[in-house]
């Protein structure tokens, strides 16, 4: 092996080690639970006062190099004190945002495309006078993304939605109601297109 190749391999190894360390420390700080440390490209942004649990072989893209689709180039995992995010085995996430006040559950083999946003809550009341109340009561309801489901780039999944097993959500959709198993939905709001 020539010297250029050896130097290149050392640089790549150093980059991978640095990548693990810059995610490992926040994972420990926020007490993220995992069965095996996820494969991460880039840095995951974590703000978790609740619980985040990851299964085995989770892959998270969180940088511009892993997706050139023009969405915000970071993955964000946020939970309030009462919130839980569960990401099961073999899930793939690209520069997505998961914000849980109650619960977001991503089941085995599911894929979240670039820039997907999943919110189990409304963030705040619609009426200004109610937003000024402290503490504010924010409606929240569990979101589930089923086994082997695919949520296309730039889609938004809102509170209370259950996306079925093997379902597909087209890019740029806004999902406001449940999607049954093995169906393809798309649009704003997302609507049934066909069976898979």
Protein backbone atom coordinates (compact mmCIF):
# COMPACT_ATOMS: atom_id res chain seq x y z
CA UNK A 1 0.00 0.00 0.00
CA UNK A 2 1.45 3.38 -0.95
CA UNK A 3 1.96 6.22 1.55
CA UNK A 4 -0.96 8.31 0.22
CA UNK A 5 -3.36 5.45 0.78
CA UNK A 6 -2.07 4.87 4.33
CA UNK A 7 -2.44 8.57 5.20
CA UNK A 8 -5.93 8.60 3.70
CA UNK A 9 -6.96 5.55 5.76
CA UNK A 10 -5.59 7.11 8.95
CA UNK A 11 -7.52 10.34 8.27
CA UNK A 12 -10.75 8.43 7.63
CA UNK A 13 -10.29 6.40 10.82
CA UNK A 14 -9.63 9.61 12.79
CA UNK A 15 -12.78 11.20 11.36
CA UNK A 16 -14.85 8.15 12.35
CA UNK A 17 -13.42 8.13 15.90
CA UNK A 18 -14.09 11.87 16.27
CA UNK A 19 -17.64 11.34 15.00
CA UNK A 20 -18.31 8.64 17.59
CA UNK A 21 -16.89 10.79 20.41
CA UNK A 22 -18.86 13.92 19.51
CA UNK A 23 -22.08 11.89 19.70
CA UNK A 24 -21.09 9.55 22.53
CA UNK A 25 -20.67 12.36 25.06
CA UNK A 26 -24.15 13.92 24.48
CA UNK A 27 -25.70 10.42 24.46
CA UNK A 28 -24.22 9.80 27.90
CA UNK A 29 -25.08 13.29 29.19
CA UNK A 30 -28.75 12.97 28.18
CA UNK A 31 -28.85 9.31 29.33
CA UNK A 32 -29.88 7.99 25.93
CA UNK A 33 -30.45 4.24 26.15
CA UNK A 34 -29.35 2.01 23.28
CA UNK A 35 -28.88 -1.69 22.62
CA UNK A 36 -25.97 -0.93 20.31
CA UNK A 37 -24.51 2.52 19.67
CA UNK A 38 -26.08 3.84 16.46
CA UNK A 39 -24.11 4.41 13.28
CA UNK A 40 -24.13 8.19 12.93
CA UNK A 41 -22.92 10.45 10.12
CA UNK A 42 -22.51 13.94 11.56
CA UNK A 43 -23.66 15.18 14.97
CA UNK A 44 -27.10 14.45 16.41
CA UNK A 45 -28.65 17.33 18.35
CA UNK A 46 -30.24 16.06 21.56
CA UNK A 47 -32.36 17.92 24.08
CA UNK A 48 -33.97 15.17 26.12
CA UNK A 49 -35.51 15.75 29.52
CA UNK A 50 -37.59 12.58 29.08
CA UNK A 51 -36.56 9.21 27.65
CA UNK A 52 -34.93 8.21 24.37
CA UNK A 53 -34.37 4.51 23.64
CA UNK A 54 -32.68 3.10 20.55
CA UNK A 55 -32.59 -0.50 19.36
CA UNK A 56 -29.84 -2.28 17.45
CA UNK A 57 -28.35 -1.17 14.14
CA UNK A 58 -29.99 2.26 14.05
CA UNK A 59 -28.48 4.53 11.39
CA UNK A 60 -28.74 8.31 11.70
CA UNK A 61 -27.62 10.80 9.07
CA UNK A 62 -27.11 14.24 10.54
CA UNK A 63 -25.02 16.28 8.13
CA UNK A 64 -25.09 17.91 4.71
CA UNK A 65 -23.02 15.16 3.08
CA UNK A 66 -25.57 12.46 3.86
CA UNK A 67 -28.41 14.21 2.01
CA UNK A 68 -28.24 16.90 -0.64
CA UNK A 69 -32.00 17.44 -0.75
CA UNK A 70 -31.75 20.93 0.74
CA UNK A 71 -33.34 20.30 4.12
CA UNK A 72 -31.91 21.33 7.49
CA UNK A 73 -28.79 19.16 7.73
CA UNK A 74 -29.17 17.88 11.30
CA UNK A 75 -31.13 15.23 13.15
CA UNK A 76 -32.81 16.55 16.29
CA UNK A 77 -34.19 14.41 19.11
CA UNK A 78 -36.19 16.44 21.64
CA UNK A 79 -38.32 15.26 24.55
CA UNK A 80 -39.98 17.17 27.37
CA UNK A 81 -39.94 15.70 30.89
CA UNK A 82 -42.98 13.56 30.10
CA UNK A 83 -41.86 12.65 26.58
CA UNK A 84 -40.49 9.39 25.20
CA UNK A 85 -38.90 8.54 21.87
CA UNK A 86 -38.51 4.84 21.02
CA UNK A 87 -36.56 3.91 17.91
CA UNK A 88 -36.48 0.17 17.31
CA UNK A 89 -33.93 -2.03 15.48
CA UNK A 90 -32.72 -1.30 11.92
CA UNK A 91 -34.34 2.13 11.66
CA UNK A 92 -32.83 4.70 9.28
CA UNK A 93 -33.16 8.45 9.89
CA UNK A 94 -31.86 11.28 7.67
CA UNK A 95 -31.73 14.80 9.05
CA UNK A 96 -35.12 14.44 10.73
CA UNK A 97 -36.67 16.13 13.77
CA UNK A 98 -38.55 14.15 16.42
CA UNK A 99 -40.26 16.25 19.12
CA UNK A 100 -42.07 14.32 21.87
CA UNK A 101 -44.12 15.58 24.81
CA UNK A 102 -45.89 12.24 25.11
CA UNK A 103 -44.49 9.48 22.85
CA UNK A 104 -43.05 8.88 19.39
CA UNK A 105 -42.51 5.23 18.49
CA UNK A 106 -40.58 4.30 15.33
CA UNK A 107 -40.88 0.55 14.75
CA UNK A 108 -38.39 -1.94 13.27
CA UNK A 109 -37.04 -1.29 9.80
CA UNK A 110 -38.82 2.06 9.31
CA UNK A 111 -37.15 4.81 7.29
CA UNK A 112 -37.47 8.57 7.80
CA UNK A 113 -36.33 10.52 4.73
CA UNK A 114 -34.42 13.78 4.71
CA UNK A 115 -36.07 16.62 6.58
CA UNK A 116 -38.96 14.61 8.03
CA UNK A 117 -40.60 16.22 11.06
CA UNK A 118 -42.59 14.20 13.61
CA UNK A 119 -44.45 16.10 16.31
CA UNK A 120 -46.66 14.45 18.93
CA UNK A 121 -47.84 17.84 20.20
CA UNK A 122 -49.05 21.30 19.17
CA UNK A 123 -46.14 23.16 20.83
CA UNK A 124 -48.53 25.83 22.12
CA UNK A 125 -52.17 26.85 22.23
CA UNK A 126 -53.62 28.55 19.15
CA UNK A 127 -54.85 31.51 21.18
CA UNK A 128 -52.36 34.09 22.42
CA UNK A 129 -54.12 34.68 25.72
CA UNK A 130 -53.81 30.94 26.52
CA UNK A 131 -50.13 30.89 25.58
CA UNK A 132 -49.42 33.44 28.28
CA UNK A 133 -50.59 31.04 31.01
CA UNK A 134 -47.75 29.37 32.84
CA UNK A 135 -47.45 26.44 32.84
CA UNK A 136 -49.10 26.01 29.48
CA UNK A 137 -51.07 22.83 28.83
CA UNK A 138 -50.14 21.58 25.37
CA UNK A 139 -52.20 18.89 23.65
CA UNK A 140 -50.10 15.82 22.86
CA UNK A 141 -50.90 12.36 21.50
CA UNK A 142 -48.68 9.38 20.63
CA UNK A 143 -47.30 9.00 17.09
CA UNK A 144 -46.41 5.56 15.73
CA UNK A 145 -44.51 4.79 12.53
CA UNK A 146 -45.05 1.10 11.74
CA UNK A 147 -42.58 -1.64 10.83
CA UNK A 148 -40.85 -1.11 7.47
CA UNK A 149 -42.84 2.06 6.80
CA UNK A 150 -41.19 4.80 4.72
CA UNK A 151 -41.82 8.50 5.32
CA UNK A 152 -40.60 10.52 2.32
CA UNK A 153 -38.39 13.59 2.40
CA UNK A 154 -39.83 16.79 3.82
CA UNK A 155 -42.96 15.17 5.23
CA UNK A 156 -44.58 16.30 8.48
CA UNK A 157 -46.33 13.79 10.73
CA UNK A 158 -48.64 15.40 13.29
CA UNK A 159 -49.83 14.33 16.74
CA UNK A 160 -51.91 11.20 17.15
CA UNK A 161 -51.04 9.72 13.75
CA UNK A 162 -50.38 5.99 13.37
CA UNK A 163 -48.62 5.03 10.13
CA UNK A 164 -49.16 1.35 9.38
CA UNK A 165 -46.74 -1.47 8.65
CA UNK A 166 -45.13 -1.23 5.16
CA UNK A 167 -46.94 2.06 4.44
CA UNK A 168 -45.33 4.71 2.23
CA UNK A 169 -45.73 8.47 2.70
CA UNK A 170 -44.85 10.52 -0.39
CA UNK A 171 -42.31 13.34 -0.16
CA UNK A 172 -43.59 16.65 1.17
CA UNK A 173 -46.77 15.24 2.70
CA UNK A 174 -48.53 16.50 5.80
CA UNK A 175 -49.94 13.48 7.61
CA UNK A 176 -52.90 14.41 9.82
CA UNK A 177 -54.69 11.06 10.18
CA UNK A 178 -53.92 7.36 10.44
CA UNK A 179 -52.47 5.51 7.45
CA UNK A 180 -53.36 1.79 7.25
CA UNK A 181 -50.85 -1.00 6.61
CA UNK A 182 -49.53 -1.44 3.05
CA UNK A 183 -50.96 1.81 1.65
CA UNK A 184 -49.34 4.72 -0.20
CA UNK A 185 -50.43 8.21 0.86
CA UNK A 186 -49.26 11.66 -0.25
CA UNK A 187 -50.29 15.31 -0.34
CA UNK A 188 -51.24 18.15 1.97
CA UNK A 189 -53.15 16.84 3.77
CA UNK A 190 -51.98 13.34 2.92
CA UNK A 191 -54.60 11.18 1.19
CA UNK A 192 -54.80 7.58 0.03
CA UNK A 193 -53.28 6.96 -3.42
CA UNK A 194 -53.06 3.19 -3.79
CA UNK A 195 -52.20 -0.09 -2.14
CA UNK A 196 -48.57 -1.04 -2.04
